[in-house]
Amino acid sequence: MKRQPTRGFSLIEVLVVIAVILIIAALAIPNFQRSKMRANEASAVAALRTIATAEVSYQTTYQQGYSPSLDALKPPPAGTQPNAAAAGLIDSVLASGIRGGYNYVYAAIDTDGNGQPDQYTVNANPLSVGQTAEKYLYLDHTNVIRENLGGPAGPNSPPVPK
């Protein structure tokens, strides 16, 4: 009696294929996570550049110093013109203070006490260090973006390389 050839894969062949797929996934996932963090960090640097440009525009347009908050740079309500309370210089997501794995903390500073901020600082802190990003970023009225790995960046942190 002749035996018919069987079709399909043996259990061993299927297990080998699954093992290879798991090994490839184990190697790829950490690289993906690092790539995602680098993308978030690059996005945060771009957001800080946008804020710096918006602050210069705000100061020039409204002649009352820098904006009192990020919220003042947001788009105006539909049907209204940009004004000092809603200048339309940054998008509403960035104006909310959370974007792309970072929390943006803005502080307006009035050093001469005339009611018009003449300096500002922005700290961009990762929402979850090691998950969304590793670098802490800082911007002030000098328009130099600075970075730090160990904690919040400040005016003495090294500048971000161009």
Protein backbone atom coordinates (compact mmCIF):
# COMPACT_ATOMS: atom_id res chain seq x y z
CA MET A 1 0.00 0.00 0.00
CA LYS A 2 1.36 3.40 -1.03
CA ARG A 3 1.20 6.22 1.40
CA GLN A 4 -0.17 9.57 0.20
CA PRO A 5 2.21 12.53 0.66
CA THR A 6 0.98 14.86 3.42
CA ARG A 7 0.44 18.52 2.82
CA GLY A 8 1.12 21.43 5.17
CA PHE A 9 3.73 22.19 7.79
CA SER A 10 4.85 20.11 10.70
CA LEU A 11 4.54 21.43 14.24
CA ILE A 12 8.32 21.86 14.46
CA GLU A 13 8.41 24.02 11.30
CA VAL A 14 5.65 26.28 12.64
CA LEU A 15 7.43 26.65 16.00
CA VAL A 16 10.71 27.57 14.27
CA VAL A 17 8.98 30.26 12.22
CA ILE A 18 7.29 31.70 15.33
CA ALA A 19 10.61 31.72 17.19
CA VAL A 20 12.32 33.62 14.34
CA ILE A 21 9.50 36.20 14.28
CA LEU A 22 9.77 36.72 18.05
CA ILE A 23 13.54 37.20 17.85
CA ILE A 24 13.16 39.80 15.09
CA ALA A 25 10.46 41.60 17.10
CA ALA A 26 12.65 41.60 20.23
CA LEU A 27 15.40 43.31 18.26
CA ALA A 28 13.15 45.81 16.46
CA ILE A 29 10.97 47.12 19.32
CA PRO A 30 13.77 48.87 21.30
CA ASN A 31 15.03 50.50 18.09
CA PHE A 32 11.52 51.69 17.33
CA GLN A 33 11.20 53.16 20.84
CA ARG A 34 14.50 55.03 20.49
CA SER A 35 13.43 56.35 17.09
CA LYS A 36 10.14 57.55 18.52
CA MET A 37 11.90 59.38 21.37
CA ARG A 38 14.31 61.07 18.93
CA ALA A 39 11.37 62.16 16.80
CA ASN A 40 9.63 63.63 19.86
CA GLU A 41 12.82 65.49 20.81
CA ALA A 42 13.22 66.91 17.30
CA SER A 43 9.56 67.96 17.34
CA ALA A 44 10.06 69.71 20.69
CA VAL A 45 13.05 71.65 19.37
CA ALA A 46 10.97 72.71 16.37
CA ALA A 47 8.12 73.76 18.71
CA LEU A 48 10.52 75.88 20.75
CA ARG A 49 11.75 77.55 17.56
CA THR A 50 8.13 78.27 16.67
CA ILE A 51 7.54 79.79 20.11
CA ALA A 52 10.67 81.96 19.77
CA THR A 53 9.49 83.27 16.40
CA ALA A 54 5.97 83.82 17.74
CA GLU A 55 7.31 85.80 20.71
CA VAL A 56 9.30 88.13 18.46
CA SER A 57 6.22 88.62 16.26
CA TYR A 58 4.00 89.22 19.32
CA GLN A 59 6.41 91.77 20.78
CA THR A 60 6.68 93.61 17.45
CA THR A 61 2.98 93.51 16.60
CA TYR A 62 1.39 94.42 19.93
CA GLN A 63 4.10 96.66 21.42
CA GLN A 64 3.43 95.38 24.95
CA GLY A 65 6.39 93.12 25.53
CA TYR A 66 6.33 89.35 25.24
CA SER A 67 3.09 87.39 25.60
CA PRO A 68 1.81 86.81 29.14
CA SER A 69 1.25 83.08 28.40
CA LEU A 70 1.35 80.47 25.66
CA ASP A 71 -2.42 80.76 25.56
CA ALA A 72 -2.11 84.36 24.31
CA LEU A 73 -0.34 83.02 21.20
CA LYS A 74 -3.19 80.64 20.23
CA PRO A 75 -5.52 81.20 17.28
CA PRO A 76 -8.42 83.60 17.86
CA PRO A 77 -12.01 82.30 17.95
CA ALA A 78 -13.65 81.83 14.56
CA GLY A 79 -14.81 85.08 13.01
CA THR A 80 -12.56 87.34 15.08
CA GLN A 81 -9.30 89.06 14.25
CA PRO A 82 -6.03 88.20 15.99
CA ASN A 83 -5.41 90.31 19.07
CA ALA A 84 -3.12 90.40 22.11
CA ALA A 85 -5.22 87.75 23.91
CA ALA A 86 -5.33 85.37 20.93
CA ALA A 87 -2.60 86.35 18.50
CA GLY A 88 -2.87 83.36 16.16
CA LEU A 89 0.89 82.76 16.13
CA ILE A 90 0.99 79.10 17.27
CA ASP A 91 -1.48 76.23 16.99
CA SER A 92 -3.95 75.51 19.77
CA VAL A 93 -2.30 72.18 20.69
CA LEU A 94 1.05 73.82 21.43
CA ALA A 95 -0.75 76.67 23.22
CA SER A 96 -2.31 74.06 25.55
CA GLY A 97 1.19 73.20 26.81
CA ILE A 98 1.27 69.49 25.95
CA ARG A 99 2.43 68.21 22.59
CA GLY A 100 4.47 65.33 21.18
CA GLY A 101 5.47 63.72 24.47
CA TYR A 102 6.46 67.03 26.10
CA ASN A 103 4.95 69.40 28.64
CA TYR A 104 5.73 73.08 27.89
CA VAL A 105 5.96 75.36 30.93
CA TYR A 106 5.93 79.06 30.02
CA ALA A 107 6.79 81.94 32.35
CA ALA A 108 6.59 85.63 31.42
CA ILE A 109 8.95 87.88 33.40
CA ASP A 110 8.47 91.60 33.98
CA THR A 111 11.87 92.75 35.29
CA ASP A 112 11.18 96.50 35.24
CA GLY A 113 7.69 96.31 36.77
CA ASN A 114 5.84 98.21 34.04
CA GLY A 115 3.29 95.45 33.42
CA GLN A 116 4.86 94.37 30.14
CA PRO A 117 6.94 91.17 30.17
CA ASP A 118 10.42 91.90 28.87
CA GLN A 119 11.71 88.33 29.29
CA TYR A 120 10.27 84.82 29.14
CA THR A 121 11.30 81.23 29.71
CA VAL A 122 9.92 77.97 28.35
CA ASN A 123 10.83 74.58 29.77
CA ALA A 124 9.96 71.56 27.63
CA ASN A 125 9.96 68.53 29.91
CA PRO A 126 9.32 64.93 28.79
CA LEU A 127 5.98 63.58 29.93
CA SER A 128 7.63 60.24 30.72
CA VAL A 129 11.43 60.14 30.79
CA GLY A 130 12.72 57.13 28.88
CA GLN A 131 9.35 56.56 27.22
CA THR A 132 8.40 59.75 25.36
CA ALA A 133 11.84 61.42 25.42
CA GLU A 134 15.09 61.72 27.37
CA LYS A 135 16.16 65.34 26.84
CA TYR A 136 14.85 68.29 28.81
CA LEU A 137 14.81 71.52 26.80
CA TYR A 138 14.85 75.23 27.67
CA LEU A 139 14.26 78.47 25.77
CA ASP A 140 14.35 82.07 26.92
CA HIS A 141 14.23 85.56 25.43
CA THR A 142 17.77 85.12 24.06
CA ASN A 143 16.23 82.57 21.62
CA VAL A 144 18.91 79.97 22.39
CA ILE A 145 17.48 76.47 22.88
CA ARG A 146 19.32 74.52 25.57
CA GLU A 147 19.21 70.84 26.58
CA ASN A 148 19.92 68.66 29.58
CA LEU A 149 19.70 64.90 30.12
CA GLY A 150 19.63 64.65 33.92
CA GLY A 151 16.78 67.00 34.75
CA PRO A 152 15.15 70.27 33.73
CA ALA A 153 17.34 72.42 31.50
CA GLY A 154 18.08 76.03 32.36
CA PRO A 155 20.02 79.08 31.18
CA ASN A 156 23.37 77.42 32.00
CA SER A 157 22.65 74.19 30.11
CA PRO A 158 24.52 73.59 26.85
CA PRO A 159 22.89 74.79 23.63
CA VAL A 160 21.23 72.28 21.31
CA PRO A 161 23.61 71.55 18.41
CA LYS A 162 22.45 72.95 15.10
